[in-house]
């Protein structure tokens, strides 16, 4: 009697595991509407126009730092 109960539990456990594995291995269906990309694109904000006037921040910083470096070298040599 004890062995019969164990085999029933093993069978039910094996069946449950098999059902669980089949459920996990099944690919979910995700229907995507045909106009999905169009609707998402219409919700995006409009693009800002590109800046037409260059700012030259990098070039200006480079020139200023070169002048400061030259002044520092001259001050250190003469001092």
N, C-alpha and C. Protein backbone atom coordinates (compact mmCIF):
# COMPACT_ATOMS: atom_id res chain seq x y z
N UNK A 1 0.82 -1.18 0.00
CA UNK A 1 0.00 0.00 0.00
C UNK A 1 0.87 1.25 0.00
N UNK A 2 1.92 1.23 0.76
CA UNK A 2 2.82 2.36 0.82
C UNK A 2 3.48 2.60 -0.53
N UNK A 3 3.88 1.54 -1.23
CA UNK A 3 4.50 1.66 -2.54
C UNK A 3 3.52 2.19 -3.57
N UNK A 4 2.25 1.81 -3.45
CA UNK A 4 1.25 2.29 -4.41
C UNK A 4 1.06 3.80 -4.30
N UNK A 5 1.04 4.32 -3.10
CA UNK A 5 0.85 5.75 -2.90
C UNK A 5 2.05 6.51 -3.47
N UNK A 6 3.24 6.00 -3.29
CA UNK A 6 4.44 6.65 -3.80
C UNK A 6 4.43 6.68 -5.32
N UNK A 7 4.02 5.59 -5.95
CA UNK A 7 3.99 5.57 -7.41
C UNK A 7 2.93 6.51 -7.95
N UNK A 8 1.79 6.66 -7.25
CA UNK A 8 0.76 7.61 -7.67
C UNK A 8 1.27 9.04 -7.56
N UNK A 9 1.98 9.34 -6.48
CA UNK A 9 2.54 10.68 -6.30
C UNK A 9 3.59 10.97 -7.35
N UNK A 10 4.42 9.98 -7.65
CA UNK A 10 5.46 10.16 -8.67
C UNK A 10 4.83 10.39 -10.03
N UNK A 11 3.76 9.65 -10.33
CA UNK A 11 3.08 9.81 -11.61
C UNK A 11 2.44 11.18 -11.73
N UNK A 12 1.77 11.62 -10.68
CA UNK A 12 1.13 12.93 -10.73
C UNK A 12 2.18 14.05 -10.80
N UNK A 13 3.29 13.86 -10.10
CA UNK A 13 4.36 14.85 -10.15
C UNK A 13 4.97 14.89 -11.54
N UNK A 14 5.19 13.72 -12.13
CA UNK A 14 5.76 13.66 -13.48
C UNK A 14 4.82 14.29 -14.49
N UNK A 15 3.52 14.04 -14.36
CA UNK A 15 2.55 14.64 -15.28
C UNK A 15 2.52 16.16 -15.12
N UNK A 16 2.57 16.62 -13.87
CA UNK A 16 2.56 18.06 -13.63
C UNK A 16 3.82 18.71 -14.20
N UNK A 17 4.96 18.07 -14.02
CA UNK A 17 6.21 18.62 -14.57
C UNK A 17 6.17 18.64 -16.09
N UNK A 18 5.60 17.61 -16.68
CA UNK A 18 5.49 17.56 -18.14
C UNK A 18 4.59 18.68 -18.66
N UNK A 19 3.48 18.91 -17.99
CA UNK A 19 2.58 20.00 -18.39
C UNK A 19 3.27 21.35 -18.22
N UNK A 20 4.02 21.48 -17.14
CA UNK A 20 4.72 22.73 -16.88
C UNK A 20 5.78 22.99 -17.95
N UNK A 21 6.53 21.96 -18.32
CA UNK A 21 7.56 22.11 -19.34
C UNK A 21 6.94 22.47 -20.68
N UNK A 22 5.83 21.81 -21.04
CA UNK A 22 5.16 22.14 -22.31
C UNK A 22 4.66 23.58 -22.30
N UNK A 23 4.14 24.03 -21.17
CA UNK A 23 3.64 25.40 -21.08
C UNK A 23 4.78 26.41 -21.19
N UNK A 24 5.92 26.10 -20.60
CA UNK A 24 7.05 27.04 -20.67
C UNK A 24 7.72 27.05 -22.03
N UNK A 25 7.67 25.93 -22.75
CA UNK A 25 8.31 25.86 -24.05
C UNK A 25 7.43 26.39 -25.17
N UNK A 26 6.15 26.58 -24.92
CA UNK A 26 5.24 27.08 -25.96
C UNK A 26 5.54 28.55 -26.24
N UNK A 27 5.60 28.91 -27.51
CA UNK A 27 5.85 30.29 -27.90
C UNK A 27 4.57 31.11 -27.72
N UNK A 28 4.67 32.25 -27.06
CA UNK A 28 3.49 33.09 -26.92
C UNK A 28 3.16 33.79 -28.24
N UNK A 29 1.91 34.01 -28.47
CA UNK A 29 1.53 34.74 -29.68
C UNK A 29 1.32 36.20 -29.30
N UNK A 30 1.98 37.05 -30.03
CA UNK A 30 1.90 38.49 -29.77
C UNK A 30 1.46 39.17 -31.06
N UNK A 31 0.18 39.36 -31.25
CA UNK A 31 -0.27 40.00 -32.49
C UNK A 31 0.10 41.48 -32.50
N UNK A 32 0.71 41.92 -33.59
CA UNK A 32 1.11 43.32 -33.75
C UNK A 32 0.27 43.90 -34.88
N UNK A 33 -0.47 44.97 -34.63
CA UNK A 33 -1.30 45.56 -35.68
C UNK A 33 -0.43 46.09 -36.82
N UNK A 34 -1.01 46.13 -38.01
CA UNK A 34 -0.27 46.57 -39.19
C UNK A 34 0.16 48.03 -39.09
N UNK A 35 -0.64 48.87 -38.45
CA UNK A 35 -0.33 50.30 -38.38
C UNK A 35 0.39 50.68 -37.07
N UNK A 36 0.99 49.72 -36.40
CA UNK A 36 1.64 49.98 -35.12
C UNK A 36 2.76 51.00 -35.25
N UNK A 37 3.65 50.82 -36.22
CA UNK A 37 4.80 51.73 -36.39
C UNK A 37 4.32 53.13 -36.73
N UNK A 38 3.28 53.23 -37.54
CA UNK A 38 2.76 54.54 -37.93
C UNK A 38 2.19 55.27 -36.72
N UNK A 39 1.45 54.55 -35.88
CA UNK A 39 0.86 55.18 -34.69
C UNK A 39 1.94 55.64 -33.72
N UNK A 40 2.98 54.83 -33.53
CA UNK A 40 4.06 55.22 -32.61
C UNK A 40 4.81 56.43 -33.16
N UNK A 41 5.08 56.43 -34.47
CA UNK A 41 5.80 57.56 -35.08
C UNK A 41 4.98 58.84 -35.00
N UNK A 42 3.68 58.74 -35.06
CA UNK A 42 2.85 59.94 -34.99
C UNK A 42 2.81 60.52 -33.58
N UNK A 43 3.13 59.72 -32.57
CA UNK A 43 3.13 60.20 -31.19
C UNK A 43 4.45 60.86 -30.79
N UNK A 44 5.49 60.69 -31.58
CA UNK A 44 6.78 61.29 -31.27
C UNK A 44 6.75 62.79 -31.48
N UNK A 45 7.52 63.54 -30.69
CA UNK A 45 7.56 65.00 -30.90
C UNK A 45 8.29 65.33 -32.20
N UNK A 46 7.96 66.46 -32.76
CA UNK A 46 8.59 66.89 -34.01
C UNK A 46 10.07 67.19 -33.77
N UNK A 47 10.89 66.92 -34.76
CA UNK A 47 12.32 67.18 -34.63
C UNK A 47 12.58 68.68 -34.72
N UNK A 48 13.52 69.13 -33.88
CA UNK A 48 13.91 70.53 -33.94
C UNK A 48 14.85 70.72 -35.13
N UNK A 49 14.79 71.87 -35.77
CA UNK A 49 15.72 72.10 -36.89
C UNK A 49 17.15 72.20 -36.36
N UNK A 50 18.07 71.76 -37.17
CA UNK A 50 19.48 71.79 -36.78
C UNK A 50 19.97 73.24 -36.71
N UNK A 51 20.92 73.48 -35.82
CA UNK A 51 21.49 74.81 -35.67
C UNK A 51 22.32 75.13 -36.92
N UNK A 52 22.04 76.27 -37.52
CA UNK A 52 22.74 76.66 -38.74
C UNK A 52 23.96 77.51 -38.47
N UNK A 53 24.06 78.06 -37.27
CA UNK A 53 25.21 78.89 -36.95
C UNK A 53 26.16 78.09 -36.05
N UNK A 54 27.38 77.85 -36.51
CA UNK A 54 28.33 77.11 -35.68
C UNK A 54 28.76 77.96 -34.48
N UNK A 55 29.01 77.31 -33.36
CA UNK A 55 29.35 78.05 -32.14
C UNK A 55 30.86 78.14 -31.91
N UNK A 56 31.64 77.19 -32.34
CA UNK A 56 33.10 77.20 -32.21
C UNK A 56 33.58 77.26 -30.77
N UNK A 57 32.84 76.65 -29.85
CA UNK A 57 33.27 76.66 -28.45
C UNK A 57 34.61 75.94 -28.28
N UNK A 58 34.77 74.82 -28.94
CA UNK A 58 36.01 74.06 -28.81
C UNK A 58 37.21 74.82 -29.34
N UNK A 59 37.05 75.47 -30.50
CA UNK A 59 38.16 76.22 -31.08
C UNK A 59 38.52 77.40 -30.19
N UNK A 60 37.51 78.10 -29.67
CA UNK A 60 37.77 79.24 -28.80
C UNK A 60 38.48 78.81 -27.51
N UNK A 61 38.07 77.68 -26.94
CA UNK A 61 38.72 77.19 -25.72
C UNK A 61 40.17 76.82 -26.02
N UNK A 62 40.42 76.23 -27.18
CA UNK A 62 41.79 75.86 -27.55
C UNK A 62 42.66 77.11 -27.68
N UNK A 63 42.17 78.14 -28.34
CA UNK A 63 42.96 79.36 -28.53
C UNK A 63 43.25 80.04 -27.20
N UNK A 64 42.25 80.11 -26.34
CA UNK A 64 42.45 80.76 -25.03
C UNK A 64 43.47 79.97 -24.21
N UNK A 65 43.37 78.65 -24.23
CA UNK A 65 44.32 77.86 -23.45
C UNK A 65 45.73 77.96 -24.01
N UNK A 66 45.88 78.11 -25.32
CA UNK A 66 47.21 78.28 -25.91
C UNK A 66 47.82 79.61 -25.46
N UNK A 67 47.02 80.67 -25.44
CA UNK A 67 47.51 81.97 -25.00
C UNK A 67 47.92 81.92 -23.52
N UNK A 68 47.09 81.29 -22.69
CA UNK A 68 47.40 81.18 -21.26
C UNK A 68 48.68 80.36 -21.06
N UNK A 69 48.86 79.30 -21.83
CA UNK A 69 50.06 78.46 -21.71
C UNK A 69 51.31 79.25 -22.10
N UNK A 70 51.22 80.01 -23.20
CA UNK A 70 52.38 80.81 -23.62
C UNK A 70 52.76 81.84 -22.56
N UNK A 71 51.75 82.48 -22.00
CA UNK A 71 52.01 83.48 -20.95
C UNK A 71 52.64 82.80 -19.73
N UNK A 72 52.15 81.62 -19.35
CA UNK A 72 52.70 80.91 -18.21
C UNK A 72 54.13 80.48 -18.47
N UNK A 73 54.45 80.04 -19.68
CA UNK A 73 55.83 79.63 -19.99
C UNK A 73 56.77 80.82 -19.94
N UNK A 74 56.32 81.94 -20.50
CA UNK A 74 57.17 83.12 -20.47
C UNK A 74 57.38 83.59 -19.03
N UNK A 75 56.35 83.54 -18.22
CA UNK A 75 56.47 84.00 -16.83
C UNK A 75 57.39 83.07 -16.05
N UNK A 76 57.35 81.76 -16.30
CA UNK A 76 58.19 80.83 -15.57
C UNK A 76 59.65 80.90 -16.00
N UNK A 77 59.91 81.19 -17.27
CA UNK A 77 61.31 81.29 -17.76
C UNK A 77 61.99 82.53 -17.23
N UNK A 78 61.28 83.63 -17.22
CA UNK A 78 61.93 84.88 -16.81
C UNK A 78 62.04 84.98 -15.28
N UNK A 79 61.27 84.19 -14.58
CA UNK A 79 61.24 84.33 -13.12
C UNK A 79 62.14 83.48 -12.39
